[in-house]
Amino acid sequence: MTTEEFIRIMDSGAVVTGGSPVHAKMHELSQEALRITMELNTAYHTHEEIVALLSELTGRTVDESTGLFPPFYTDCGKNIRLGRRVFINSGCKFQDQGGITIGDDTLIGHNCVIATLNHVADPERRADMIPAPVRIGNKVWVGANVTILQGVTVGDGAILAAGAVVTRDVPARAVAAGVPAKIIKTI
């Protein structure tokens, strides 16, 4: 299975059966992501080197305006799409198999988690996974220690307050806070 076929299947939202060829490809890509993130996280790198490592990790050209403070963790890498002038602060963890898209001019705070997979609830099928994308719009501010769960879309200009657990879509220019996150005001 090629990486392109894998991404197409993951983007479709189809259930991934534990032990299937898709699951095997997931593990193959995770090993590559571990290698690249270890390189990223265990030595000093210039901005240009970080952008090159992110481009290798994602399999896409990452714009030179992208900023990242390591450490950074992901267990796939190939289903991350970054806009221009994105900044990702240290300690972030992206589970991107289901797809993570981050729009232009978006700021991601320290220690954020973005999760795009969920396991099937039936204990007999618990190894099976359900992918769903996370889409973060343009000019979004994601505060420190925010967790964004699978299938969530965050609208342009929104703010996710520090520590929020975002389980539902957040409209454009809304401020969401709490566990689970609720809209507390609009900008």
Protein backbone atom coordinates (compact mmCIF):
# COMPACT_ATOMS: atom_id res chain seq x y z
CA MET A 1 0.00 0.00 0.00
CA THR A 2 1.34 3.42 -0.92
CA THR A 3 1.24 6.41 1.40
CA GLU A 4 -1.18 8.12 -0.99
CA GLU A 5 -3.57 5.14 -0.82
CA PHE A 6 -3.30 5.13 2.97
CA ILE A 7 -4.13 8.86 3.20
CA ARG A 8 -7.08 8.40 0.83
CA ILE A 9 -8.49 5.61 3.04
CA MET A 10 -7.92 7.59 6.25
CA ASP A 11 -9.51 10.70 4.74
CA SER A 12 -12.59 8.63 3.79
CA GLY A 13 -13.37 7.99 7.47
CA ALA A 14 -13.59 4.23 6.93
CA VAL A 15 -13.05 2.04 9.99
CA VAL A 16 -9.51 0.69 10.13
CA THR A 17 -9.55 -2.94 11.25
CA GLY A 18 -6.81 -3.92 13.66
CA GLY A 19 -4.27 -6.15 11.90
CA SER A 20 -5.40 -5.10 8.40
CA PRO A 21 -3.05 -3.87 5.63
CA VAL A 22 -4.14 -0.30 6.43
CA HIS A 23 -3.24 -0.86 10.08
CA ALA A 24 0.15 -2.25 9.00
CA LYS A 25 0.80 0.85 6.87
CA MET A 26 -0.13 2.99 9.89
CA HIS A 27 2.63 1.25 11.87
CA GLU A 28 5.12 1.64 9.02
CA LEU A 29 4.47 5.39 8.83
CA SER A 30 4.68 5.70 12.61
CA GLN A 31 8.20 4.27 12.53
CA GLU A 32 9.23 6.88 9.96
CA ALA A 33 7.60 9.62 12.06
CA LEU A 34 9.47 8.40 15.15
CA ARG A 35 12.77 8.58 13.28
CA ILE A 36 12.15 12.11 12.02
CA THR A 37 10.75 13.47 15.30
CA MET A 38 13.70 11.96 17.20
CA GLU A 39 16.02 13.89 14.89
CA LEU A 40 13.94 17.04 15.35
CA ASN A 41 13.77 16.72 19.14
CA THR A 42 17.26 15.60 20.15
CA ALA A 43 19.54 18.23 18.62
CA TYR A 44 19.56 21.94 17.94
CA HIS A 45 18.32 22.86 14.46
CA THR A 46 18.19 26.15 12.62
CA HIS A 47 14.84 27.41 11.41
CA GLU A 48 15.66 26.21 7.90
CA GLU A 49 16.51 22.72 9.20
CA ILE A 50 13.25 22.56 11.18
CA VAL A 51 11.24 23.48 8.07
CA ALA A 52 13.12 20.80 6.08
CA LEU A 53 12.43 18.17 8.76
CA LEU A 54 8.74 19.16 8.88
CA SER A 55 8.60 18.87 5.09
CA GLU A 56 10.12 15.37 5.28
CA LEU A 57 7.75 14.44 8.11
CA THR A 58 4.60 15.61 6.30
CA GLY A 59 5.67 14.59 2.81
CA ARG A 60 4.72 18.11 1.67
CA THR A 61 6.65 21.32 1.25
CA VAL A 62 6.17 23.30 4.46
CA ASP A 63 6.26 27.07 3.94
CA GLU A 64 9.39 28.75 5.28
CA SER A 65 7.17 31.07 7.34
CA THR A 66 6.17 28.12 9.55
CA GLY A 67 7.60 28.16 13.06
CA LEU A 68 8.01 25.29 15.50
CA PHE A 69 9.68 25.05 18.90
CA PRO A 70 10.59 21.42 19.63
CA PRO A 71 9.91 19.01 21.07
CA PHE A 72 7.13 17.99 18.71
CA TYR A 73 5.52 14.56 18.46
CA THR A 74 3.36 12.86 15.87
CA ASP A 75 2.63 9.22 15.18
CA CYS A 76 2.15 9.53 11.42
CA GLY A 77 3.08 12.94 10.00
CA LYS A 78 1.87 12.32 6.48
CA ASN A 79 -1.66 13.62 7.08
CA ILE A 80 -0.68 17.05 8.44
CA ARG A 81 -1.33 20.12 6.28
CA LEU A 82 0.10 23.42 7.51
CA GLY A 83 -0.77 26.86 6.18
CA ARG A 84 1.55 29.84 6.05
CA ARG A 85 2.83 31.62 9.16
CA VAL A 86 1.68 28.79 11.46
CA PHE A 87 3.45 28.65 14.82
CA ILE A 88 3.52 25.47 16.92
CA ASN A 89 4.93 25.88 20.42
CA SER A 90 6.87 23.22 22.32
CA GLY A 91 5.50 19.92 23.58
CA CYS A 92 2.66 19.47 21.08
CA LYS A 93 1.41 16.01 20.15
CA PHE A 94 -0.44 15.45 16.88
CA GLN A 95 -2.20 12.13 16.16
CA ASP A 96 -2.74 12.94 12.51
CA GLN A 97 -3.78 9.69 10.81
CA GLY A 98 -7.32 11.05 10.37
CA GLY A 99 -6.00 14.36 9.02
CA ILE A 100 -5.00 17.65 10.61
CA THR A 101 -5.31 20.88 8.64
CA ILE A 102 -4.10 24.13 10.20
CA GLY A 103 -4.85 27.40 8.41
CA ASP A 104 -2.71 30.47 7.84
CA ASP A 105 -1.59 32.66 10.76
CA THR A 106 -2.67 30.14 13.41
CA LEU A 107 -0.90 29.86 16.77
CA ILE A 108 -0.75 26.54 18.64
CA GLY A 109 0.21 26.85 22.32
CA HIS A 110 2.45 24.67 24.48
CA ASN A 111 1.54 21.02 25.06
CA CYS A 112 -1.51 20.88 22.80
CA VAL A 113 -2.91 17.52 21.75
CA ILE A 114 -4.78 17.04 18.50
CA ALA A 115 -6.32 13.55 18.17
CA THR A 116 -7.92 12.26 14.97
CA LEU A 117 -8.50 8.60 15.84
CA ASN A 118 -10.96 6.90 18.13
CA HIS A 119 -11.34 3.22 18.93
CA VAL A 120 -14.55 1.27 18.32
CA ALA A 121 -16.59 1.06 21.55
CA ASP A 122 -17.41 -2.65 21.18
CA PRO A 123 -14.80 -4.48 23.33
CA GLU A 124 -14.65 -7.30 20.76
CA ARG A 125 -13.51 -4.79 18.12
CA ARG A 126 -11.52 -2.40 20.35
CA ALA A 127 -8.42 -2.64 18.12
CA ASP A 128 -10.43 -1.15 15.23
CA MET A 129 -10.10 2.62 14.76
CA ILE A 130 -12.28 5.36 13.34
CA PRO A 131 -10.45 8.32 11.76
CA ALA A 132 -11.98 11.79 11.52
CA PRO A 133 -10.16 15.01 10.59
CA VAL A 134 -9.46 18.06 12.69
CA ARG A 135 -9.66 21.30 10.74
CA ILE A 136 -8.38 24.52 12.27
CA GLY A 137 -9.10 27.70 10.34
CA ASN A 138 -7.05 30.82 9.69
CA LYS A 139 -5.92 33.16 12.49
CA VAL A 140 -6.95 30.76 15.26
CA TRP A 141 -5.30 30.99 18.68
CA VAL A 142 -5.07 27.63 20.45
CA GLY A 143 -4.04 28.20 24.07
CA ALA A 144 -1.64 26.05 26.07
CA ASN A 145 -2.67 22.52 27.03
CA VAL A 146 -5.71 22.43 24.74
CA THR A 147 -6.94 19.03 23.54
CA ILE A 148 -8.87 18.91 20.26
CA LEU A 149 -10.67 15.65 19.56
CA GLN A 150 -11.42 13.91 16.28
CA GLY A 151 -13.85 15.40 13.81
CA VAL A 152 -13.72 18.95 15.23
CA THR A 153 -13.64 22.03 12.99
CA VAL A 154 -12.48 25.34 14.46
CA GLY A 155 -13.60 28.41 12.53
CA ASP A 156 -11.44 31.33 11.41
CA GLY A 157 -10.37 33.74 14.13
CA ALA A 158 -11.56 31.55 17.01
CA ILE A 159 -9.78 31.28 20.37
CA LEU A 160 -9.51 28.03 22.32
CA ALA A 161 -8.73 28.98 25.92
CA ALA A 162 -5.88 27.30 27.77
CA GLY A 163 -6.77 23.85 29.07
CA ALA A 164 -9.93 23.48 26.97
CA VAL A 165 -11.01 20.04 25.78
CA VAL A 166 -12.69 20.68 22.43
CA THR A 167 -15.19 17.95 21.56
CA ARG A 168 -17.45 19.92 19.19
CA ASP A 169 -17.06 22.40 16.35
CA VAL A 170 -16.22 25.98 17.31
CA PRO A 171 -17.64 28.73 15.06
CA ALA A 172 -15.55 31.50 13.56
CA ARG A 173 -14.56 34.28 15.99
CA ALA A 174 -15.88 32.35 19.01
CA VAL A 175 -14.01 31.90 22.29
CA ALA A 176 -14.34 28.38 23.70
CA ALA A 177 -13.21 27.37 27.19
CA GLY A 178 -13.61 24.58 29.72
CA VAL A 179 -13.97 20.82 29.89
CA PRO A 180 -15.78 20.07 27.69
CA ALA A 181 -15.28 23.37 25.89
CA LYS A 182 -18.27 25.68 25.58
CA ILE A 183 -18.61 28.96 23.71
CA ILE A 184 -18.20 31.76 26.27
CA LYS A 185 -18.26 34.76 23.91
CA THR A 186 -17.66 35.95 20.37
CA ILE A 187 -15.07 38.41 19.15
